[in-house]
PDB file of N, CA and C in Angstrom:
ATOM      1  N   MET A   1       4.322   7.084   8.407  1.00  0.00           N
ATOM      2  CA  MET A   1       2.945   7.221   7.845  1.00  0.00           C
ATOM      3  C   MET A   1       2.276   5.704   7.650  1.00  0.00           C
ATOM      4  N   MET A   2       2.870   4.757   7.696  1.00  0.00           N
ATOM      5  CA  MET A   2       1.924   3.380   7.429  1.00  0.00           C
ATOM      6  C   MET A   2       1.825   3.003   8.993  1.00  0.00           C
ATOM      7  N   LYS A   3       2.554   3.409   9.712  1.00  0.00           N
ATOM      8  CA  LYS A   3       2.484   2.933  11.360  1.00  0.00           C
ATOM      9  C   LYS A   3       1.023   3.450  11.411  1.00  0.00           C
ATOM     10  N   MET A   4       1.261   4.907  11.449  1.00  0.00           N
ATOM     11  CA  MET A   4       0.131   5.628  11.878  1.00  0.00           C
ATOM     12  C   MET A   4      -1.527   5.282  11.015  1.00  0.00           C
ATOM     13  N   LEU A   5      -1.514   4.787   9.759  1.00  0.00           N
ATOM     14  CA  LEU A   5      -2.483   4.311   9.240  1.00  0.00           C
ATOM     15  C   LEU A   5      -3.253   3.193   9.976  1.00  0.00           C
ATOM     16  N   VAL A   6      -2.197   2.372   9.817  1.00  0.00           N
ATOM     17  CA  VAL A   6      -2.431   0.793  10.613  1.00  0.00           C
ATOM     18  C   VAL A   6      -2.942   1.074  12.005  1.00  0.00           C
ATOM     19  N   HIS A   7      -2.559   1.956  12.928  1.00  0.00           N
ATOM     20  CA  HIS A   7      -3.169   2.121  14.298  1.00  0.00           C
ATOM     21  C   HIS A   7      -4.405   2.661  13.731  1.00  0.00           C
ATOM     22  N   LYS A   8      -4.604   3.903  13.278  1.00  0.00           N
ATOM     23  CA  LYS A   8      -6.265   4.376  12.734  1.00  0.00           C
ATOM     24  C   LYS A   8      -6.806   3.204  12.562  1.00  0.00           C
ATOM     25  N   LEU A   9      -6.629   2.160  11.712  1.00  0.00           N
ATOM     26  CA  LEU A   9      -7.782   1.234  11.156  1.00  0.00           C
ATOM     27  C   LEU A   9      -8.037   0.154  12.132  1.00  0.00           C
ATOM     28  N   ARG A  10      -6.912  -0.271  12.775  1.00  0.00           N
ATOM     29  CA  ARG A  10      -6.933  -1.301  13.955  1.00  0.00           C
ATOM     30  C   ARG A  10      -7.960  -0.397  15.161  1.00  0.00           C
ATOM     31  N   VAL A  11      -7.644   0.526  15.777  1.00  0.00           N
ATOM     32  CA  VAL A  11      -8.003   1.519  16.730  1.00  0.00           C
ATOM     33  C   VAL A  11      -9.202   1.983  16.836  1.00  0.00           C
ATOM     34  N   GLU A  12      -9.244   2.563  15.616  1.00  0.00           N
ATOM     35  CA  GLU A  12     -10.359   3.792  15.291  1.00  0.00           C
ATOM     36  C   GLU A  12     -11.112   3.083  14.029  1.00  0.00           C
ATOM     37  N   ARG A  13     -11.708   2.198  14.115  1.00  0.00           N
ATOM     38  CA  ARG A  13     -12.270   1.338  12.722  1.00  0.00           C
ATOM     39  C   ARG A  13     -13.368   2.596  11.956  1.00  0.00           C
ATOM     40  N   SER A  14     -13.951   3.479  12.773  1.00  0.00           N
ATOM     41  CA  SER A  14     -14.707   4.164  12.032  1.00  0.00           C
ATOM     42  C   SER A  14     -14.416   5.442  11.004  1.00  0.00           C
ATOM     43  N   VAL A  15     -12.727   5.434  11.317  1.00  0.00           N
ATOM     44  CA  VAL A  15     -12.106   6.409  10.216  1.00  0.00           C
ATOM     45  C   VAL A  15     -11.815   5.980   9.072  1.00  0.00           C
ATOM     46  N   SER A  16     -12.062   4.433   8.706  1.00  0.00           N
ATOM     47  CA  SER A  16     -11.850   4.195   7.358  1.00  0.00           C
ATOM     48  C   SER A  16     -12.562   4.619   6.240  1.00  0.00           C
ATOM     49  N   ALA A  17     -12.062   5.451   5.532  1.00  0.00           N
ATOM     50  CA  ALA A  17     -12.772   5.996   4.403  1.00  0.00           C
ATOM     51  C   ALA A  17     -12.318   5.307   2.972  1.00  0.00           C
ATOM     52  N   PHE A  18     -11.474   4.492   2.775  1.00  0.00           N
ATOM     53  CA  PHE A  18     -10.987   4.012   1.901  1.00  0.00           C
ATOM     54  C   PHE A  18     -10.453   2.231   2.014  1.00  0.00           C
ATOM     55  N   HIS A  19     -10.539   1.648   0.663  1.00  0.00           N
ATOM     56  CA  HIS A  19     -10.270   0.243   0.696  1.00  0.00           C
ATOM     57  C   HIS A  19      -8.751   0.008   0.666  1.00  0.00           C
ATOM     58  N   TYR A  20      -8.326   0.423  -0.700  1.00  0.00           N
ATOM     59  CA  TYR A  20      -7.181   0.289  -1.007  1.00  0.00           C
ATOM     60  C   TYR A  20      -6.080   1.535  -1.055  1.00  0.00           C
ATOM     61  N   LEU A  21      -4.826   1.512  -0.820  1.00  0.00           N
ATOM     62  CA  LEU A  21      -4.174   2.387  -0.590  1.00  0.00           C
ATOM     63  C   LEU A  21      -2.912   2.166  -1.871  1.00  0.00           C
ATOM     64  N   THR A  22      -2.928   2.990  -2.664  1.00  0.00           N
ATOM     65  CA  THR A  22      -1.892   3.092  -3.992  1.00  0.00           C
ATOM     66  C   THR A  22      -0.651   4.077  -4.145  1.00  0.00           C
ATOM     67  N   VAL A  23       0.090   3.031  -4.919  1.00  0.00           N
ATOM     68  CA  VAL A  23       1.288   4.072  -5.110  1.00  0.00           C
ATOM     69  C   VAL A  23       1.754   3.845  -6.291  1.00  0.00           C
ATOM     70  N   ASP A  24       2.654   5.100  -6.931  1.00  0.00           N
ATOM     71  CA  ASP A  24       3.217   5.014  -7.853  1.00  0.00           C
ATOM     72  C   ASP A  24       4.597   4.973  -7.621  1.00  0.00           C
ATOM     73  N   ALA A  25       5.274   3.875  -7.062  1.00  0.00           N
ATOM     74  CA  ALA A  25       6.721   3.724  -6.509  1.00  0.00           C
ATOM     75  C   ALA A  25       7.816   4.029  -7.702  1.00  0.00           C
ATOM     76  N   TYR A  26       9.211   4.799  -7.100  1.00  0.00           N
ATOM     77  CA  TYR A  26      10.001   4.819  -8.063  1.00  0.00           C
ATOM     78  C   TYR A  26      10.733   3.200  -7.536  1.00  0.00           C
ATOM     79  N   LEU A  27      11.539   2.890  -8.621  1.00  0.00           N
ATOM     80  CA  LEU A  27      11.844   1.317  -8.327  1.00  0.00           C
ATOM     81  C   LEU A  27      13.019   1.524  -7.154  1.00  0.00           C
ATOM     82  N   SER A  28      13.481   2.378  -6.621  1.00  0.00           N
ATOM     83  CA  SER A  28      14.683   2.354  -5.562  1.00  0.00           C
ATOM     84  C   SER A  28      13.548   2.219  -4.621  1.00  0.00           C
ATOM     85  N   ALA A  29      12.270   2.468  -4.364  1.00  0.00           N
ATOM     86  CA  ALA A  29      11.403   2.556  -3.125  1.00  0.00           C
ATOM     87  C   ALA A  29      10.744   1.280  -3.187  1.00  0.00           C
ATOM     88  N   VAL A  30      10.581   0.320  -4.394  1.00  0.00           N
ATOM     89  CA  VAL A  30       9.726  -0.862  -4.390  1.00  0.00           C
ATOM     90  C   VAL A  30      10.135  -1.809  -3.133  1.00  0.00           C
ATOM     91  N   PRO A  31      11.227  -1.952  -2.879  1.00  0.00           N
ATOM     92  CA  PRO A  31      11.457  -3.067  -1.829  1.00  0.00           C
ATOM     93  C   PRO A  31      11.000  -2.458  -0.182  1.00  0.00           C
ATOM     94  N   PHE A  32      11.005  -1.172  -0.328  1.00  0.00           N
ATOM     95  CA  PHE A  32      10.120  -0.865   1.066  1.00  0.00           C
ATOM     96  C   PHE A  32       8.690  -0.978   0.962  1.00  0.00           C
ATOM     97  N   TYR A  33       8.106  -1.023  -0.450  1.00  0.00           N
ATOM     98  CA  TYR A  33       6.500  -0.917  -0.093  1.00  0.00           C
ATOM     99  C   TYR A  33       6.449  -2.526  -0.231  1.00  0.00           C
ATOM    100  N   GLU A  34       6.923  -3.396  -0.874  1.00  0.00           N
ATOM    101  CA  GLU A  34       6.998  -4.780  -0.600  1.00  0.00           C
ATOM    102  C   GLU A  34       7.210  -5.104   0.530  1.00  0.00           C
ATOM    103  N   LYS A  35       7.902  -4.769   1.645  1.00  0.00           N
ATOM    104  CA  LYS A  35       8.485  -5.164   2.776  1.00  0.00           C
ATOM    105  C   LYS A  35       6.884  -4.677   3.538  1.00  0.00           C
ATOM    106  N   ASN A  36       6.214  -3.833   3.248  1.00  0.00           N
ATOM    107  CA  ASN A  36       5.266  -3.326   4.174  1.00  0.00           C
ATOM    108  C   ASN A  36       3.545  -3.892   3.403  1.00  0.00           C
ATOM    109  N   GLY A  37       3.892  -5.133   2.791  1.00  0.00           N
ATOM    110  CA  GLY A  37       2.669  -5.586   2.149  1.00  0.00           C
ATOM    111  C   GLY A  37       2.180  -5.189   1.155  1.00  0.00           C
ATOM    112  N   PHE A  38       2.822  -3.979   0.069  1.00  0.00           N
ATOM    113  CA  PHE A  38       1.926  -3.811  -0.949  1.00  0.00           C
ATOM    114  C   PHE A  38       2.711  -4.726  -2.005  1.00  0.00           C
ATOM    115  N   LEU A  39       1.331  -5.069  -2.862  1.00  0.00           N
ATOM    116  CA  LEU A  39       1.376  -5.748  -4.141  1.00  0.00           C
ATOM    117  C   LEU A  39       1.816  -4.853  -5.256  1.00  0.00           C
ATOM    118  N   HIS A  40       2.169  -5.978  -6.455  1.00  0.00           N
ATOM    119  CA  HIS A  40       2.281  -4.940  -7.768  1.00  0.00           C
ATOM    120  C   HIS A  40       0.742  -5.227  -8.529  1.00  0.00           C
ATOM    121  N   LEU A  41       0.466  -4.069  -8.933  1.00  0.00           N
ATOM    122  CA  LEU A  41      -0.906  -4.037  -9.767  1.00  0.00           C
ATOM    123  C   LEU A  41      -0.750  -4.610 -10.974  1.00  0.00           C
ATOM    124  N   THR A  42       0.072  -4.373 -11.930  1.00  0.00           N
ATOM    125  CA  THR A  42       0.384  -5.064 -13.004  1.00  0.00           C
ATOM    126  C   THR A  42       1.917  -5.461 -13.226  1.00  0.00           C
ATOM    127  N   LYS A  43       1.870  -6.373 -14.485  1.00  0.00           N
ATOM    128  CA  LYS A  43       3.132  -6.694 -14.702  1.00  0.00           C
ATOM    129  C   LYS A  43       3.546  -5.546 -16.089  1.00  0.00           C
ATOM    130  N   LYS A  44       2.810  -4.943 -16.548  1.00  0.00           N
ATOM    131  CA  LYS A  44       3.033  -4.082 -17.751  1.00  0.00           C
ATOM    132  C   LYS A  44       3.974  -3.189 -17.568  1.00  0.00           C
ATOM    133  N   ASP A  45       4.389  -2.742 -16.273  1.00  0.00           N
ATOM    134  CA  ASP A  45       5.075  -1.524 -16.050  1.00  0.00           C
ATOM    135  C   ASP A  45       6.526  -1.932 -15.297  1.00  0.00           C
ATOM    136  N   GLU A  46       6.634  -2.971 -15.647  1.00  0.00           N
ATOM    137  CA  GLU A  46       8.079  -3.711 -15.044  1.00  0.00           C
ATOM    138  C   GLU A  46       9.468  -3.036 -15.715  1.00  0.00           C
ATOM    139  N   ASP A  47       9.483  -2.616 -16.744  1.00  0.00           N
ATOM    140  CA  ASP A  47      10.241  -2.008 -17.148  1.00  0.00           C
ATOM    141  C   ASP A  47      10.190  -0.353 -17.523  1.00  0.00           C
ATOM    142  N   GLU A  48       9.748   0.420 -16.517  1.00  0.00           N
ATOM    143  CA  GLU A  48       9.157   1.218 -16.735  1.00  0.00           C
ATOM    144  C   GLU A  48      10.006   2.288 -15.573  1.00  0.00           C
ATOM    145  N   HIS A  49       9.853   3.562 -15.272  1.00  0.00           N
ATOM    146  CA  HIS A  49      10.695   3.801 -14.000  1.00  0.00           C
ATOM    147  C   HIS A  49      10.001   4.006 -12.772  1.00  0.00           C
ATOM    148  N   THR A  50       8.415   3.548 -12.872  1.00  0.00           N
ATOM    149  CA  THR A  50       7.998   3.666 -11.713  1.00  0.00           C
ATOM    150  C   THR A  50       7.049   2.057 -11.592  1.00  0.00           C
ATOM    151  N   ARG A  51       6.458   1.651 -10.338  1.00  0.00           N
ATOM    152  CA  ARG A  51       5.737   0.493 -10.623  1.00  0.00           C
ATOM    153  C   ARG A  51       4.375   0.820  -9.667  1.00  0.00           C
ATOM    154  N   LEU A  52       3.055   0.699 -10.406  1.00  0.00           N
ATOM    155  CA  LEU A  52       1.879   1.122  -9.747  1.00  0.00           C
ATOM    156  C   LEU A  52       1.919  -0.126  -8.522  1.00  0.00           C
ATOM    157  N   MET A  53       1.639   0.027  -7.633  1.00  0.00           N
ATOM    158  CA  MET A  53       1.603  -0.729  -6.159  1.00  0.00           C
ATOM    159  C   MET A  53       0.172  -0.423  -5.524  1.00  0.00           C
ATOM    160  N   TYR A  54      -0.263  -1.415  -4.734  1.00  0.00           N
ATOM    161  CA  TYR A  54      -1.425  -0.999  -3.836  1.00  0.00           C
ATOM    162  C   TYR A  54      -1.327  -2.033  -2.743  1.00  0.00           C
ATOM    163  N   PHE A  55      -2.137  -1.634  -1.573  1.00  0.00           N
ATOM    164  CA  PHE A  55      -2.159  -2.275  -0.421  1.00  0.00           C
ATOM    165  C   PHE A  55      -3.868  -2.252  -0.377  1.00  0.00           C
ATOM    166  N   ASP A  56      -4.140  -3.649   0.347  1.00  0.00           N
ATOM    167  CA  ASP A  56      -5.340  -3.777   0.944  1.00  0.00           C
ATOM    168  C   ASP A  56      -5.534  -3.442   2.208  1.00  0.00           C
ATOM    169  N   MET A  57      -6.220  -2.211   2.476  1.00  0.00           N
ATOM    170  CA  MET A  57      -6.268  -1.838   3.909  1.00  0.00           C
ATOM    171  C   MET A  57      -7.150  -2.823   4.745  1.00  0.00           C
ATOM    172  N   MET A  58      -8.245  -3.190   4.295  1.00  0.00           N
ATOM    173  CA  MET A  58      -9.187  -4.063   4.837  1.00  0.00           C
ATOM    174  C   MET A  58      -8.368  -5.384   5.457  1.00  0.00           C
ATOM    175  N   GLU A  59      -7.123  -5.510   5.182  1.00  0.00           N
ATOM    176  CA  GLU A  59      -6.258  -6.635   5.537  1.00  0.00           C
ATOM    177  C   GLU A  59      -6.048  -6.539   7.151  1.00  0.00           C
ATOM    178  N   ILE A  60      -5.598  -5.115   7.303  1.00  0.00           N
ATOM    179  CA  ILE A  60      -5.214  -4.936   8.501  1.00  0.00           C
ATOM    180  C   ILE A  60      -6.244  -4.181   9.290  1.00  0.00           C
ATOM    181  N   ALA A  61      -7.511  -4.247   8.881  1.00  0.00           N
ATOM    182  CA  ALA A  61      -8.375  -3.648   9.807  1.00  0.00           C
ATOM    183  C   ALA A  61      -9.375  -4.826  10.513  1.00  0.00           C
ATOM    184  N   GLU A  62      -8.894  -5.769  10.184  1.00  0.00           N
ATOM    185  CA  GLU A  62      -9.690  -7.198  11.052  1.00  0.00           C
ATOM    186  C   GLU A  62      -9.387  -7.522  12.060  1.00  0.00           C
TER     187      GLU A  62
END
């Protein structure tokens, strides 16, 4: 899914209708999202079961 979004934003620039992609990631999935360029939204959820993360889609659209 990430590869499809990256492709659409690079090739079909007019399809982007959002700036940020956000996820509420389970702790086991955090490394996957980090590997794909997602950043943590806050440190307040460090001890929770999930972490809020975001990716700036405009970084890949350039």
